[in-house]
Protein backbone atom coordinates (compact mmCIF):
# COMPACT_ATOMS: atom_id res chain seq x y z
CA MET A 1 24.72 -5.26 -4.50
CA ARG A 2 22.23 -5.74 -1.69
CA TYR A 3 18.59 -5.27 -2.51
CA GLY A 4 16.76 -2.52 -0.67
CA ASN A 5 13.90 -3.29 1.68
CA ILE A 6 10.33 -2.84 0.49
CA ILE A 7 7.62 -2.01 3.00
CA LEU A 8 4.24 -2.27 1.28
CA LEU A 9 1.36 -0.82 3.33
CA ASN A 10 -2.01 -2.17 2.19
CA GLY A 11 -5.33 -0.81 3.40
CA THR A 12 -8.47 1.03 2.40
CA SER A 13 -8.74 4.70 1.66
CA SER A 14 -8.58 6.73 4.91
CA SER A 15 -7.01 3.89 6.90
CA GLY A 16 -3.94 5.97 7.77
CA LYS A 17 -1.37 4.48 5.40
CA THR A 18 0.14 7.79 4.31
CA SER A 19 0.53 9.03 7.89
CA ILE A 20 2.30 5.80 8.80
CA LEU A 21 4.51 6.02 5.71
CA HIS A 22 5.69 9.54 6.53
CA THR A 23 6.26 8.59 10.17
CA ILE A 24 8.40 5.61 9.16
CA GLN A 25 10.43 7.87 6.87
CA ASP A 26 11.00 10.27 9.76
CA MET A 27 11.92 7.53 12.24
CA LEU A 28 14.42 5.57 10.13
CA ASP A 29 18.02 6.69 9.69
CA GLU A 30 18.31 5.23 6.20
CA PRO A 31 16.31 6.89 3.44
CA TYR A 32 13.16 5.09 2.32
CA LEU A 33 11.67 6.32 -0.96
CA ASP A 34 7.93 7.03 -1.07
CA ALA A 35 6.71 5.11 -4.12
CA GLY A 36 3.06 4.73 -3.16
CA ILE A 37 -0.10 4.84 -5.20
CA ASP A 38 -0.77 8.55 -4.67
CA LYS A 39 2.66 9.44 -6.06
CA PHE A 40 1.80 7.57 -9.24
CA ILE A 41 -1.74 8.93 -9.51
CA TRP A 42 -0.41 12.48 -9.25
CA MET A 43 1.86 11.81 -12.24
CA LEU A 44 -1.24 11.73 -14.44
CA PRO A 45 -2.28 14.76 -16.49
CA LYS A 46 -4.43 17.16 -14.50
CA ARG A 47 -7.52 16.39 -16.60
CA TYR A 48 -7.57 12.87 -15.12
CA LEU A 49 -7.53 14.30 -11.62
CA GLU A 50 -10.41 16.71 -12.21
CA ARG A 51 -12.98 13.93 -12.39
CA PRO A 52 -13.45 11.19 -9.82
CA LEU A 53 -10.57 8.76 -9.91
CA TRP A 54 -13.09 5.93 -10.07
CA ASP A 55 -13.87 6.76 -13.70
CA ASP A 56 -10.68 6.29 -15.69
CA VAL A 57 -7.95 5.55 -13.21
CA LEU A 58 -9.32 3.17 -10.63
CA GLY A 59 -12.42 2.26 -12.59
CA LEU A 60 -16.01 1.99 -11.45
CA ALA A 61 -16.93 -0.11 -8.42
CA ASN A 62 -13.27 -0.68 -7.56
CA LYS A 63 -12.54 -2.46 -10.80
CA GLY A 64 -9.43 -0.86 -12.22
CA GLY A 65 -9.87 0.74 -15.60
CA VAL A 66 -7.29 0.48 -18.38
CA THR A 67 -5.45 3.56 -17.11
CA GLY A 68 -5.55 2.23 -13.56
CA HIS A 69 -4.17 -1.19 -14.46
CA SER A 70 -1.37 0.31 -16.51
CA LEU A 71 -0.49 2.79 -13.79
CA VAL A 72 -0.48 0.18 -11.01
CA HIS A 73 1.53 -2.25 -13.15
CA GLY A 74 4.15 0.47 -13.67
CA MET A 75 4.17 1.24 -9.95
CA HIS A 76 4.83 -2.41 -9.08
CA GLN A 77 7.64 -2.62 -11.64
CA ALA A 78 9.17 0.62 -10.34
CA ILE A 79 9.10 -0.58 -6.71
CA ALA A 80 10.84 -3.83 -7.66
CA SER A 81 13.43 -1.98 -9.77
CA LEU A 82 14.17 0.50 -7.00
CA SER A 83 14.74 -2.36 -4.56
CA ARG A 84 16.96 -4.24 -6.99
CA ALA A 85 19.04 -1.06 -7.42
CA GLY A 86 19.65 -1.01 -3.65
CA ASN A 87 17.03 1.57 -2.64
CA HIS A 88 14.76 1.11 0.36
CA VAL A 89 11.13 1.69 -0.64
CA LEU A 90 7.93 2.50 1.21
CA ALA A 91 4.66 2.27 -0.69
CA ASP A 92 1.05 2.61 0.33
CA HIS A 93 -1.42 0.65 -1.74
CA VAL A 94 -5.07 -0.34 -2.02
CA LEU A 95 -4.92 -3.92 -3.32
CA VAL A 96 -8.54 -4.29 -4.41
CA GLU A 97 -7.76 -6.25 -7.57
CA PRO A 98 -6.59 -9.87 -7.23
CA ILE A 99 -4.37 -9.38 -10.29
CA TRP A 100 -2.55 -6.53 -8.49
CA LEU A 101 -1.86 -8.74 -5.48
CA ARG A 102 -0.69 -11.55 -7.73
CA GLU A 103 1.69 -9.21 -9.51
CA CYS A 104 3.12 -7.97 -6.18
CA VAL A 105 3.60 -11.56 -5.08
CA ASP A 106 5.41 -12.45 -8.31
CA LEU A 107 7.63 -9.36 -8.26
CA PHE A 108 8.37 -9.11 -4.54
CA CYS A 109 8.57 -12.73 -3.31
CA ASP A 110 12.35 -12.93 -3.87
CA LEU A 111 13.05 -9.44 -2.53
CA PRO A 112 13.24 -8.23 1.09
CA ALA A 113 9.61 -7.10 0.89
CA TYR A 114 7.50 -6.73 4.02
CA PHE A 115 3.75 -6.84 3.51
CA VAL A 116 1.89 -4.71 6.06
CA GLY A 117 -1.85 -4.79 6.67
CA VAL A 118 -3.25 -1.42 7.74
CA ARG A 119 -6.63 -2.11 9.28
CA CYS A 120 -9.36 0.05 10.73
CA PRO A 121 -13.06 -0.58 11.49
CA LEU A 122 -15.43 0.53 8.74
CA SER A 123 -17.29 2.97 10.99
CA VAL A 124 -14.04 4.80 11.76
CA LEU A 125 -13.02 4.80 8.07
CA GLU A 126 -16.34 6.34 7.06
CA GLN A 127 -16.05 9.03 9.72
CA ARG A 128 -12.53 9.85 8.51
CA GLU A 129 -13.77 10.08 4.91
CA LYS A 130 -16.45 12.58 5.92
CA SER A 131 -14.12 14.72 7.99
CA ARG A 132 -11.26 14.79 5.45
CA LYS A 133 -13.35 16.32 2.65
CA ASP A 134 -10.75 15.24 0.07
CA ARG A 135 -12.04 11.71 -0.48
CA THR A 136 -14.88 10.34 -2.53
CA LEU A 137 -17.44 9.19 0.00
CA GLY A 138 -17.97 5.44 -0.17
CA GLN A 139 -14.42 4.48 -1.21
CA ALA A 140 -13.59 2.85 2.10
CA ARG A 141 -16.85 0.87 2.14
CA ALA A 142 -16.32 -0.30 -1.45
CA GLN A 143 -12.74 -1.36 -0.69
CA PHE A 144 -13.30 -2.80 2.79
CA GLU A 145 -14.06 -6.44 1.93
CA LEU A 146 -11.59 -6.59 -0.96
CA VAL A 147 -8.38 -5.05 0.31
CA HIS A 148 -7.53 -7.69 2.96
CA ALA A 149 -9.23 -10.69 1.30
CA HIS A 150 -5.96 -12.62 0.90
CA GLY A 151 -5.48 -12.57 4.69
CA MET A 152 -1.69 -12.80 5.04
CA TYR A 153 0.81 -10.19 6.18
CA ASP A 154 4.21 -9.92 7.82
CA VAL A 155 2.75 -7.46 10.30
CA GLU A 156 -0.63 -5.80 10.86
CA VAL A 157 -1.59 -2.57 12.57
CA ASP A 158 -4.96 -1.13 13.54
CA THR A 159 -5.05 2.65 13.21
CA SER A 160 -8.14 2.94 15.38
CA LEU A 161 -6.09 1.59 18.31
CA LEU A 162 -2.58 2.86 17.56
CA SER A 163 -1.20 6.27 16.61
CA PRO A 164 0.86 6.63 13.42
CA THR A 165 3.99 6.62 15.59
CA GLN A 166 2.94 3.40 17.35
CA CYS A 167 2.08 1.77 14.03
CA ALA A 168 5.40 2.86 12.55
CA GLN A 169 7.30 1.51 15.55
CA LYS A 170 5.56 -1.86 15.28
CA ILE A 171 6.45 -2.06 11.58
CA ILE A 172 10.05 -0.96 12.14
CA THR A 173 10.43 -3.54 14.91
CA ARG A 174 9.31 -6.29 12.51
CA VAL A 175 11.59 -5.10 9.71
CA SER A 176 14.63 -4.78 11.98
CA CYS A 177 14.17 -7.96 14.06
CA GLY A 178 16.46 -10.01 11.81
CA LEU A 179 13.79 -12.40 10.55
CA PRO A 180 13.17 -12.32 6.80
CA PRO A 181 9.76 -11.36 5.45
CA ILE A 182 7.54 -14.34 4.67
CA ALA A 183 4.11 -13.13 3.47
CA PHE A 184 4.89 -12.74 -0.24
CA SER A 185 6.78 -16.06 -0.45
CA GLN A 186 3.96 -17.88 1.37
CA LEU A 187 1.39 -16.29 -0.92
CA LYS A 188 3.53 -17.38 -3.89
CA ASN A 189 3.34 -20.99 -2.63
CA GLU A 190 -0.46 -20.69 -2.38
CA TYR A 191 -0.70 -19.57 -6.01
């Protein structure tokens, strides 16, 4: 059985990952499953969602709490399992914890997993946070220096310069060009 592709979109809150994810799903003929962080967060009991996610899920000051670490660990395992079962997977993520990145590297380095950096200037992120009204203000600022600290991707997009469709097309072009993904295997060598 062939493993399914993984496209992991990493960026701060309000960077445009979910819009890109849905656009990629719409543009590709083959089905790509949405197995991103929001899907897993919304599996939690409602009482966890009624308070700020910083508290028990993602932890204070971007340090994942016990619930957050367990949830993210399960998400990573699920993404790898879906790929190994032959499913194509799209997932948006906020890799603020080095241990989360390390786990992705370990699980995805031998799979057809494309690591995508979704970037956006902080001033634009903060404006998006304010206008969306469904985000905790300050998330993007708290995540900004952490989320791309490792510095290596198969492809990067800047959502302040490109539309979701343009970002999706750039990602699809990289995935379909015939060259294997390299970011996770190179990060594995660095560890």
